[in-house]
Protein backbone atom coordinates (compact mmCIF):
# COMPACT_ATOMS: atom_id res chain seq x y z
CA UNK A 1 -26.98 2.37 0.77
CA UNK A 2 -29.74 3.61 -1.84
CA UNK A 3 -31.94 1.46 -4.47
CA UNK A 4 -30.40 0.84 -7.87
CA UNK A 5 -31.50 3.06 -10.54
CA UNK A 6 -31.62 1.74 -14.34
CA UNK A 7 -28.44 3.40 -15.46
CA UNK A 8 -25.60 4.86 -14.64
CA UNK A 9 -22.95 6.87 -16.67
CA UNK A 10 -20.30 5.10 -14.79
CA UNK A 11 -20.51 1.85 -12.34
CA UNK A 12 -17.04 1.24 -10.30
CA UNK A 13 -17.01 -2.32 -9.25
CA UNK A 14 -15.02 -2.53 -5.62
CA UNK A 15 -14.98 -0.31 -2.90
CA UNK A 16 -10.94 0.00 -2.32
CA UNK A 17 -9.14 3.52 -2.02
CA UNK A 18 -8.66 2.84 -6.11
CA UNK A 19 -12.26 2.25 -6.52
CA UNK A 20 -13.42 4.90 -4.15
CA UNK A 21 -10.92 7.41 -5.80
CA UNK A 22 -12.09 6.25 -9.33
CA UNK A 23 -15.65 7.33 -8.36
CA UNK A 24 -14.97 10.61 -6.54
CA UNK A 25 -13.44 11.39 -9.95
CA UNK A 26 -15.92 10.69 -12.04
CA UNK A 27 -18.71 12.23 -9.65
CA UNK A 28 -16.54 15.55 -9.60
CA UNK A 29 -17.07 15.95 -13.40
CA UNK A 30 -20.89 15.54 -13.37
CA UNK A 31 -21.39 12.26 -13.81
CA UNK A 32 -23.82 10.01 -12.21
CA UNK A 33 -21.69 7.04 -10.48
CA UNK A 34 -22.55 3.95 -8.81
CA UNK A 35 -20.23 1.89 -6.33
CA UNK A 36 -21.10 -1.55 -6.37
CA UNK A 37 -19.36 -3.50 -3.02
CA UNK A 38 -19.44 -7.38 -2.61
CA UNK A 39 -19.03 -6.96 1.12
CA UNK A 40 -21.34 -5.92 3.53
CA UNK A 41 -18.80 -3.34 4.39
CA UNK A 42 -16.69 -0.95 2.02
CA UNK A 43 -12.91 -0.24 2.15
CA UNK A 44 -11.34 -3.08 0.27
CA UNK A 45 -7.74 -3.09 2.29
CA UNK A 46 -8.79 -0.24 4.09
CA UNK A 47 -10.75 -1.91 7.26
CA UNK A 48 -10.97 -2.08 10.58
CA UNK A 49 -12.68 -4.83 13.35
CA UNK A 50 -12.23 -5.89 16.33
CA UNK A 51 -10.68 -9.49 15.64
CA UNK A 52 -9.00 -10.77 18.82
CA UNK A 53 -11.08 -9.25 22.26
CA UNK A 54 -13.86 -6.60 22.28
CA UNK A 55 -12.22 -3.39 22.37
CA UNK A 56 -9.10 -4.06 20.52
CA UNK A 57 -9.45 -2.24 16.88
CA UNK A 58 -7.20 -3.68 14.23
CA UNK A 59 -6.37 -3.07 10.79
CA UNK A 60 -7.36 -6.39 9.00
CA UNK A 61 -4.72 -5.30 5.79
CA UNK A 62 -3.28 -1.47 5.48
CA UNK A 63 -2.16 -0.20 8.36
CA UNK A 64 0.40 2.66 8.29
CA UNK A 65 0.17 5.01 5.58
CA UNK A 66 2.97 7.48 3.77
CA UNK A 67 1.54 7.04 0.81
CA UNK A 68 -2.10 8.17 1.75
CA UNK A 69 -0.73 11.31 3.46
CA UNK A 70 1.18 12.27 0.73
CA UNK A 71 -1.01 11.33 -2.16
CA UNK A 72 -1.27 14.30 -4.48
CA UNK A 73 -5.16 13.09 -5.25
CA UNK A 74 -5.95 12.59 -1.55
CA UNK A 75 -4.00 16.04 -0.46
CA UNK A 76 -6.93 17.56 -3.41
CA UNK A 77 -9.81 16.17 -1.29
CA UNK A 78 -11.64 17.92 1.67
CA UNK A 79 -10.86 14.58 3.96
CA UNK A 80 -10.59 16.25 7.27
CA UNK A 81 -13.85 16.97 6.76
CA UNK A 82 -15.06 14.14 6.47
CA UNK A 83 -14.17 12.69 9.75
CA UNK A 84 -10.01 11.95 8.61
CA UNK A 85 -7.39 12.54 11.17
CA UNK A 86 -3.97 11.49 10.88
CA UNK A 87 -1.46 10.80 13.87
CA UNK A 88 2.31 10.95 13.24
CA UNK A 89 4.36 9.19 16.09
CA UNK A 90 7.82 10.83 17.03
CA UNK A 91 9.84 8.65 14.57
CA UNK A 92 8.14 6.90 11.21
CA UNK A 93 10.19 4.17 11.72
CA UNK A 94 12.73 1.97 13.77
CA UNK A 95 14.73 -0.67 12.34
CA UNK A 96 16.47 -2.24 15.25
CA UNK A 97 19.81 -5.00 15.55
CA UNK A 98 20.95 -7.39 17.56
CA UNK A 99 22.92 -5.51 20.66
CA UNK A 100 19.75 -3.04 21.33
CA UNK A 101 21.12 -0.47 18.67
CA UNK A 102 18.51 0.70 16.00
CA UNK A 103 18.43 3.24 12.91
CA UNK A 104 15.62 5.45 12.80
CA UNK A 105 13.74 7.32 9.82
CA UNK A 106 13.13 10.94 11.47
CA UNK A 107 10.52 13.23 9.89
CA UNK A 108 13.44 15.78 9.59
CA UNK A 109 15.99 15.02 7.06
CA UNK A 110 18.78 16.53 8.81
CA UNK A 111 18.13 14.45 11.66
CA UNK A 112 17.63 11.35 10.09
CA UNK A 113 21.60 11.60 8.00
CA UNK A 114 22.92 13.02 11.36
CA UNK A 115 21.39 9.75 13.51
CA UNK A 116 23.80 7.64 10.48
CA UNK A 117 27.13 8.65 11.79
CA UNK A 118 29.67 8.56 8.99
CA UNK A 119 26.83 7.84 6.63
CA UNK A 120 25.37 10.95 7.33
CA UNK A 121 26.69 13.22 4.56
CA UNK A 122 25.94 10.32 2.08
CA UNK A 123 22.60 9.66 3.38
CA UNK A 124 21.89 14.00 3.08
CA UNK A 125 23.79 13.69 -0.66
CA UNK A 126 20.77 11.13 -1.75
CA UNK A 127 18.29 11.97 -0.13
CA UNK A 128 18.00 15.78 -0.26
CA UNK A 129 17.02 16.30 -3.81
CA UNK A 130 14.53 13.47 -3.94
CA UNK A 131 12.91 15.49 -1.09
CA UNK A 132 13.45 19.03 -2.68
CA UNK A 133 11.64 17.81 -5.88
CA UNK A 134 9.43 15.13 -4.64
CA UNK A 135 6.19 18.09 -4.90
CA UNK A 136 6.96 18.13 -8.76
CA UNK A 137 7.83 14.82 -9.33
CA UNK A 138 4.77 12.75 -7.09
CA UNK A 139 2.65 12.89 -9.86
CA UNK A 140 4.87 11.59 -12.58
CA UNK A 141 6.47 8.56 -10.07
CA UNK A 142 3.08 7.86 -9.01
CA UNK A 143 1.42 7.69 -12.41
CA UNK A 144 1.53 5.41 -15.59
CA UNK A 145 4.64 5.95 -17.70
CA UNK A 146 4.39 9.56 -19.88
CA UNK A 147 6.90 12.46 -20.52
CA UNK A 148 7.38 13.83 -17.37
CA UNK A 149 6.63 17.51 -16.38
CA UNK A 150 10.05 17.75 -14.79
CA UNK A 151 12.33 15.82 -16.87
CA UNK A 152 15.66 16.61 -15.41
CA UNK A 153 14.35 15.82 -11.97
CA UNK A 154 13.11 12.72 -13.01
CA UNK A 155 16.14 11.57 -14.90
CA UNK A 156 18.37 11.96 -11.41
CA UNK A 157 15.83 10.25 -9.63
CA UNK A 158 15.79 7.17 -12.13
CA UNK A 159 19.62 6.56 -11.82
CA UNK A 160 18.70 6.25 -7.98
CA UNK A 161 16.02 4.57 -8.41
CA UNK A 162 16.51 2.06 -11.20
CA UNK A 163 19.24 -0.28 -9.46
CA UNK A 164 18.97 -2.92 -6.99
CA UNK A 165 18.95 -1.79 -3.38
CA UNK A 166 21.52 -3.77 -3.06
CA UNK A 167 23.72 -1.90 -5.21
CA UNK A 168 22.18 1.15 -3.79
CA UNK A 169 23.24 0.14 -0.22
CA UNK A 170 26.89 0.04 -1.55
CA UNK A 171 27.22 4.16 -1.13
CA UNK A 172 26.87 3.20 2.76
CA UNK A 173 29.50 1.82 5.35
CA UNK A 174 27.38 1.64 8.26
CA UNK A 175 25.12 -1.69 9.13
CA UNK A 176 22.39 0.92 10.50
CA UNK A 177 22.03 3.17 7.30
CA UNK A 178 22.08 -0.39 4.95
CA UNK A 179 19.70 -1.93 7.24
CA UNK A 180 17.40 1.04 6.77
CA UNK A 181 17.39 1.10 3.20
CA UNK A 182 16.99 -2.90 2.93
CA UNK A 183 14.06 -2.60 5.19
CA UNK A 184 12.27 0.17 2.94
CA UNK A 185 12.90 -1.38 -0.03
CA UNK A 186 11.29 -5.19 1.47
CA UNK A 187 7.76 -3.39 1.06
CA UNK A 188 8.53 -4.23 -2.24
CA UNK A 189 7.61 -7.62 -1.82
CA UNK A 190 10.18 -9.15 -4.15
CA UNK A 191 13.83 -9.97 -3.91
CA UNK A 192 16.18 -6.64 -3.00
CA UNK A 193 18.49 -8.34 -6.21
CA UNK A 194 15.96 -7.26 -8.18
CA UNK A 195 15.90 -3.55 -10.16
CA UNK A 196 14.17 -0.68 -9.26
CA UNK A 197 13.71 -2.27 -5.64
CA UNK A 198 15.37 1.41 -4.82
CA UNK A 199 12.75 3.28 -6.20
CA UNK A 200 10.05 1.94 -3.27
CA UNK A 201 13.24 2.38 -0.75
CA UNK A 202 13.36 6.04 -2.05
CA UNK A 203 9.99 6.78 -2.01
CA UNK A 204 9.07 5.64 1.04
CA UNK A 205 11.93 7.40 2.69
CA UNK A 206 11.42 10.71 0.92
CA UNK A 207 7.43 10.79 1.90
CA UNK A 208 8.15 9.74 5.35
CA UNK A 209 10.65 13.20 5.63
CA UNK A 210 7.96 15.49 3.99
CA UNK A 211 4.81 14.07 5.88
CA UNK A 212 5.96 11.22 8.26
CA UNK A 213 4.06 7.34 8.55
CA UNK A 214 1.09 8.49 9.97
CA UNK A 215 -1.56 6.40 11.66
CA UNK A 216 -4.87 7.04 11.16
CA UNK A 217 -7.11 7.82 13.89
CA UNK A 218 -9.68 4.93 14.50
CA UNK A 219 -8.16 2.79 12.01
CA UNK A 220 -7.35 2.36 8.03
CA UNK A 221 -11.22 2.19 7.96
CA UNK A 222 -11.44 5.86 8.52
CA UNK A 223 -9.82 6.66 5.36
CA UNK A 224 -12.48 4.60 3.43
CA UNK A 225 -15.23 6.28 5.56
CA UNK A 226 -13.62 9.65 4.66
CA UNK A 227 -13.54 8.91 1.05
CA UNK A 228 -16.88 7.36 0.77
CA UNK A 229 -18.42 10.55 2.65
CA UNK A 230 -16.79 12.52 0.22
CA UNK A 231 -17.89 10.93 -2.74
CA UNK A 232 -21.76 10.49 -1.27
CA UNK A 233 -21.70 14.31 -0.49
CA UNK A 234 -21.19 14.81 -4.14
CA UNK A 235 -24.36 12.57 -5.09
CA UNK A 236 -22.48 9.09 -5.52
CA UNK A 237 -24.51 5.72 -4.55
CA UNK A 238 -22.96 2.84 -3.09
CA UNK A 239 -24.38 -0.20 -2.50
CA UNK A 240 -22.83 -2.98 -0.87
CA UNK A 241 -23.64 -6.63 -0.40
CA UNK A 242 -23.82 -6.83 -4.38
CA UNK A 243 -21.01 -9.15 -5.37
CA UNK A 244 -20.39 -9.07 -8.98
CA UNK A 245 -19.26 -12.46 -10.96
CA UNK A 246 -19.98 -11.61 -14.83
CA UNK A 247 -21.52 -8.12 -16.70
CA UNK A 248 -25.07 -9.05 -16.08
CA UNK A 249 -24.41 -8.24 -12.20
CA UNK A 250 -24.06 -4.52 -13.34
CA UNK A 251 -26.87 -2.18 -14.35
CA UNK A 252 -26.33 -0.37 -17.52
CA UNK A 253 -23.88 2.15 -17.98
CA UNK A 254 -21.65 4.12 -20.22
CA UNK A 255 -18.45 2.88 -18.50
CA UNK A 256 -17.62 0.28 -15.76
CA UNK A 257 -14.51 0.88 -13.80
CA UNK A 258 -12.94 -2.63 -12.50
CA UNK A 259 -11.12 -2.18 -8.61
CA UNK A 260 -9.93 -5.90 -9.60
CA UNK A 261 -7.24 -7.53 -10.61
CA UNK A 262 -6.40 -9.48 -13.93
CA UNK A 263 -7.55 -12.77 -12.77
CA UNK A 264 -10.72 -12.01 -11.71
CA UNK A 265 -11.53 -9.35 -14.79
CA UNK A 266 -10.91 -12.51 -17.07
CA UNK A 267 -13.46 -14.37 -15.19
CA UNK A 268 -16.04 -11.51 -15.46
CA UNK A 269 -15.54 -9.41 -18.76
CA UNK A 270 -12.91 -11.93 -20.80
CA UNK A 271 -15.72 -12.57 -23.63
CA UNK A 272 -15.62 -9.16 -24.32
CA UNK A 273 -11.64 -8.47 -24.57
CA UNK A 274 -9.76 -8.99 -27.94
CA UNK A 275 -7.91 -12.53 -28.29
CA UNK A 276 -4.56 -10.30 -27.90
CA UNK A 277 -5.76 -8.52 -24.54
CA UNK A 278 -6.84 -11.70 -23.01
CA UNK A 279 -3.50 -13.46 -23.68
CA UNK A 280 -1.73 -10.66 -22.09
CA UNK A 281 -4.22 -10.36 -18.72
CA UNK A 282 -3.48 -14.14 -18.93
CA UNK A 283 0.31 -13.75 -18.60
CA UNK A 284 -0.15 -10.96 -15.97
CA UNK A 285 2.44 -12.04 -12.90
CA UNK A 286 1.31 -11.86 -8.96
CA UNK A 287 4.20 -11.97 -6.52
CA UNK A 288 4.49 -13.47 -2.77
CA UNK A 289 2.05 -13.78 -0.12
CA UNK A 290 1.89 -12.59 3.30
CA UNK A 291 1.29 -14.49 6.80
CA UNK A 292 -0.35 -11.26 9.27
CA UNK A 293 -1.16 -11.72 13.12
CA UNK A 294 -2.95 -9.14 15.14
CA UNK A 295 -2.01 -8.69 18.85
CA UNK A 296 -3.95 -8.10 21.80
CA UNK A 297 -1.78 -7.20 24.51
CA UNK A 298 -1.28 -6.69 28.12
CA UNK A 299 1.74 -3.91 27.52
CA UNK A 300 3.58 -2.31 25.13
CA UNK A 301 5.92 -4.38 23.21
CA UNK A 302 9.05 -3.93 25.48
CA UNK A 303 11.62 -3.77 22.71
CA UNK A 304 15.48 -3.17 23.57
CA UNK A 305 16.10 -0.28 21.31
CA UNK A 306 14.16 2.81 23.03
CA UNK A 307 13.94 4.25 19.29
CA UNK A 308 11.64 1.65 19.11
CA UNK A 309 9.54 2.69 21.56
CA UNK A 310 8.94 6.34 19.28
CA UNK A 311 7.64 4.93 16.03
CA UNK A 312 4.53 3.13 14.82
CA UNK A 313 6.23 1.26 12.40
CA UNK A 314 9.28 -1.24 13.37
CA UNK A 315 11.29 -2.96 10.51
CA UNK A 316 12.19 -6.54 11.86
CA UNK A 317 14.90 -8.61 9.97
CA UNK A 318 18.32 -7.16 10.96
CA UNK A 319 20.91 -6.60 8.84
CA UNK A 320 20.92 -6.20 4.71
CA UNK A 321 22.37 -9.38 4.31
CA UNK A 322 20.12 -11.13 6.23
CA UNK A 323 16.80 -9.19 4.73
CA UNK A 324 18.14 -9.82 1.57
CA UNK A 325 18.74 -13.62 1.80
CA UNK A 326 14.88 -13.72 3.50
CA UNK A 327 13.47 -12.41 0.61
CA UNK A 328 15.11 -13.67 -1.82
CA UNK A 329 14.19 -17.51 0.11
CA UNK A 330 10.66 -16.58 0.50
CA UNK A 331 10.79 -15.52 -3.71
CA UNK A 332 12.15 -19.28 -4.25
CA UNK A 333 9.36 -20.99 -2.56
CA UNK A 334 10.86 -20.99 1.04
CA UNK A 335 10.28 -20.07 4.37
CA UNK A 336 13.17 -18.77 5.94
CA UNK A 337 13.53 -19.70 9.49
CA UNK A 338 14.16 -15.28 9.91
CA UNK A 339 11.69 -13.53 7.96
CA UNK A 340 11.91 -9.66 7.44
CA UNK A 341 8.52 -8.87 9.42
CA UNK A 342 6.87 -5.25 8.78
CA UNK A 343 4.69 -4.59 12.32
CA UNK A 344 2.69 -1.86 13.84
CA UNK A 345 1.98 -0.42 17.33
CA UNK A 346 -0.69 1.50 16.67
CA UNK A 347 -1.87 1.64 19.74
CA UNK A 348 0.92 3.56 21.24
CA UNK A 349 -0.22 6.72 19.61
CA UNK A 350 -3.85 6.16 19.23
CA UNK A 351 -5.36 5.21 22.53
CA UNK A 352 -8.54 4.53 21.11
CA UNK A 353 -6.95 1.15 19.67
CA UNK A 354 -7.45 -0.52 22.87
CA UNK A 355 -8.49 -0.59 26.59
CA UNK A 356 -6.81 1.38 29.17
CA UNK A 357 -3.34 -0.33 29.48
CA UNK A 358 -3.70 -2.23 26.81
CA UNK A 359 -1.94 -2.47 23.48
CA UNK A 360 -2.84 -3.46 19.78
CA UNK A 361 0.26 -4.89 17.72
CA UNK A 362 -0.17 -5.89 14.00
CA UNK A 363 2.67 -7.51 11.90
CA UNK A 364 3.19 -9.65 8.89
CA UNK A 365 5.92 -11.63 7.46
CA UNK A 366 6.30 -12.56 3.25
CA UNK A 367 5.58 -16.21 2.27
CA UNK A 368 5.61 -18.02 -1.19
CA UNK A 369 2.66 -17.17 -2.84
CA UNK A 370 -0.64 -19.41 -1.76
CA UNK A 371 1.40 -20.74 1.08
CA UNK A 372 -1.13 -22.27 3.95
CA UNK A 373 2.08 -22.76 6.34
CA UNK A 374 1.79 -20.90 9.63
CA UNK A 375 3.95 -18.88 10.54
CA UNK A 376 3.31 -17.71 14.20
CA UNK A 377 6.34 -18.81 15.73
CA UNK A 378 8.43 -17.31 13.44
CA UNK A 379 6.86 -14.07 13.44
CA UNK A 380 7.16 -14.20 17.13
CA UNK A 381 10.94 -15.15 17.61
CA UNK A 382 11.79 -12.04 15.63
CA UNK A 383 9.51 -10.03 17.85
CA UNK A 384 11.50 -11.91 20.79
CA UNK A 385 14.63 -11.08 19.47
CA UNK A 386 14.26 -7.72 19.80
CA UNK A 387 11.83 -7.20 22.18
CA UNK A 388 12.54 -10.03 25.12
CA UNK A 389 9.77 -10.65 27.22
CA UNK A 390 7.16 -9.72 24.13
CA UNK A 391 5.56 -13.28 24.16
CA UNK A 392 4.34 -12.88 28.22
CA UNK A 393 2.20 -9.60 26.93
CA UNK A 394 0.16 -11.40 24.38
CA UNK A 395 -3.72 -11.96 25.46
CA UNK A 396 -4.88 -13.14 22.10
CA UNK A 397 -4.09 -13.48 18.70
CA UNK A 398 -5.58 -13.56 15.38
CA UNK A 399 -3.67 -15.03 12.02
CA UNK A 400 -4.30 -15.40 8.23
CA UNK A 401 -2.67 -16.98 5.86
CA UNK A 402 -2.61 -16.26 2.08
CA UNK A 403 -6.04 -18.35 1.62
CA UNK A 404 -7.22 -16.12 4.36
CA UNK A 405 -6.51 -13.01 2.94
CA UNK A 406 -7.75 -13.66 -0.16
CA UNK A 407 -10.88 -15.03 0.94
CA UNK A 408 -10.89 -11.13 2.33
CA UNK A 409 -10.03 -9.81 -0.17
CA UNK A 410 -10.28 -11.59 -3.77
CA UNK A 411 -7.62 -8.73 -4.78
CA UNK A 412 -5.29 -10.66 -2.82
CA UNK A 413 -4.35 -13.44 -5.28
CA UNK A 414 -2.56 -16.09 -3.25
CA UNK A 415 -1.80 -13.48 -0.48
CA UNK A 416 -0.36 -10.30 -2.84
CA UNK A 417 -1.42 -7.59 -1.46
CA UNK A 418 -0.13 -5.45 -4.34
CA UNK A 419 -2.38 -6.38 -7.16
CA UNK A 420 0.62 -8.40 -8.59
CA UNK A 421 4.42 -8.40 -8.25
CA UNK A 422 6.30 -4.56 -8.94
CA UNK A 423 9.39 -5.97 -10.90
CA UNK A 424 10.79 -4.00 -13.35
CA UNK A 425 8.43 -5.96 -16.01
CA UNK A 426 5.48 -5.07 -14.33
CA UNK A 427 6.31 -1.89 -12.62
CA UNK A 428 4.76 1.00 -15.52
CA UNK A 429 3.53 -1.56 -18.05
CA UNK A 430 0.94 -3.50 -15.69
CA UNK A 431 -1.30 -4.78 -15.91
CA UNK A 432 -0.36 -4.74 -20.40
CA UNK A 433 2.34 -3.22 -21.89
CA UNK A 434 0.25 0.50 -23.23
CA UNK A 435 0.34 3.50 -23.09
CA UNK A 436 -2.60 3.93 -21.15
CA UNK A 437 -2.92 0.93 -18.85
CA UNK A 438 -5.92 1.41 -17.95
CA UNK A 439 -7.63 1.02 -20.58
CA UNK A 440 -9.16 -2.64 -22.26
CA UNK A 441 -9.55 -3.91 -25.49
CA UNK A 442 -13.21 -3.27 -25.00
CA UNK A 443 -13.67 0.87 -24.84
CA UNK A 444 -16.38 0.58 -22.29
CA UNK A 445 -14.42 -1.09 -19.87
CA UNK A 446 -11.46 0.20 -17.83
CA UNK A 447 -9.37 -1.53 -14.72
CA UNK A 448 -8.57 1.02 -12.00
CA UNK A 449 -7.06 -1.31 -9.34
CA UNK A 450 -3.21 -1.55 -8.20
CA UNK A 451 -2.26 -3.79 -10.98
CA UNK A 452 -2.02 -0.71 -12.95
CA UNK A 453 0.65 1.83 -11.80
CA UNK A 454 1.56 3.04 -9.77
CA UNK A 455 0.79 -0.14 -8.02
CA UNK A 456 0.48 -1.15 -4.36
CA UNK A 457 -0.12 1.32 -1.44
CA UNK A 458 -3.00 3.58 -0.37
CA UNK A 459 -2.80 6.36 -2.07
CA UNK A 460 -5.48 6.84 -4.52
CA UNK A 461 -3.08 7.25 -8.22
CA UNK A 462 -4.08 4.25 -9.82
CA UNK A 463 -8.05 5.00 -9.55
CA UNK A 464 -7.67 8.78 -10.23
CA UNK A 465 -5.89 7.73 -13.54
CA UNK A 466 -7.77 5.44 -14.43
CA UNK A 467 -10.81 7.61 -14.12
CA UNK A 468 -8.94 10.63 -15.76
CA UNK A 469 -8.66 8.17 -18.75
CA UNK A 470 -12.67 7.52 -18.91
CA UNK A 471 -13.50 10.96 -19.00
CA UNK A 472 -11.12 11.59 -21.60
CA UNK A 473 -11.89 8.65 -23.90
CA UNK A 474 -15.41 7.28 -23.28
CA UNK A 475 -16.90 10.91 -22.09
CA UNK A 476 -15.14 13.45 -23.88
CA UNK A 477 -14.56 15.39 -20.66
CA UNK A 478 -11.50 17.54 -19.54
CA UNK A 479 -9.46 16.75 -16.13
CA UNK A 480 -12.23 16.86 -13.50
CA UNK A 481 -9.73 17.03 -10.27
CA UNK A 482 -6.67 19.25 -10.57
CA UNK A 483 -3.61 17.05 -8.07
CA UNK A 484 -2.49 18.71 -5.48
CA UNK A 485 1.66 20.06 -5.67
CA UNK A 486 3.77 20.93 -2.96
């Protein structure tokens, strides 16, 4: 996009949401910042393309964005002035069951509770304090381990968040509430019996009640485009088609921030690190991968449950027992016949995603890391289970296994889209055990990817925290952007 300069204050390697967020934070502080992107387009997991047929716009990875609209960092930026517009479906999430019923996450907490019947009071008691205190807790939840600004609220949240979701679900009696919790927790891409899976569920439900689960109009690429536009408006520079394989590929800079995972960081800069830090990075663990499908459809998905026709996101997996078994099997290296499927139907609400009268759909299931098994049939059977006649509406499909996902984005090691498993051992201690996890053993090098707290998701908080660390420790500068609250 612009000619290279001989020197910058900072260089950011990678233009995913965290790389862009880090670059914005540094540029906003008055530094000169360059972003290097290996691909010919920016965005990382925020890219959209016509994968199936002309006129059908698909999100290549990330599709629905509850954490983006709720991110304290993104909300501090004027992204609406740079072309970003969100669309909120009537329902954030629907979770169908056999027999044509479904649980649903409404933006209204009261409506959601009342829809859960016998569990209404228990759901209200669980979620109301979290929703009430989320604006003051968000920065602590979506950041590195530190003394919280509101310790009593965080302690109360932790009591519910730390146990496995299978334990939290014991508070509820209906299959609808228990299934809804399981589907939310399955976003953590790990066995639901693991500690902290409740945290993922509670955060996603709280953000849904506060701001919904919106769809970026025109595709996920528009989030990246808005971030890049704002960065460039501040005077920043982006260069695409600039792969970095070693430090020699990076122009001179006082600080380098890497929007990559430990595996690539070791390949590029391992010789600069202490023996201890290298060993810590070598022990970093990646989680399950995904098998993804995009469909061009002749009409909307014919879900039996009416709630599914009003929701942007659908969780397909049935009961909590079924989802728990599927996630455990996948974590153990197996491919279940009935996997948990995360599905998005953006074109129902964003009509520009497909030609008139046609539709798109997006889905993935979890698979063992590195799997090359074709899961097209088992995913489509799960959709057909809750939407008889679905397969008759398929015009074309595009699939990606874990190897193809990694080829598309080198951060998706073995198809792991979270930048490393987010279990109790790597929730706040990613990529290493440190009070400042964005720092490496080299004072000039920082990591700003989802392999740092708070992990995966389109929120930019990993990049923001890494940039703040660099501003303080490398440049001696104060906070450049105050996080939004409220």
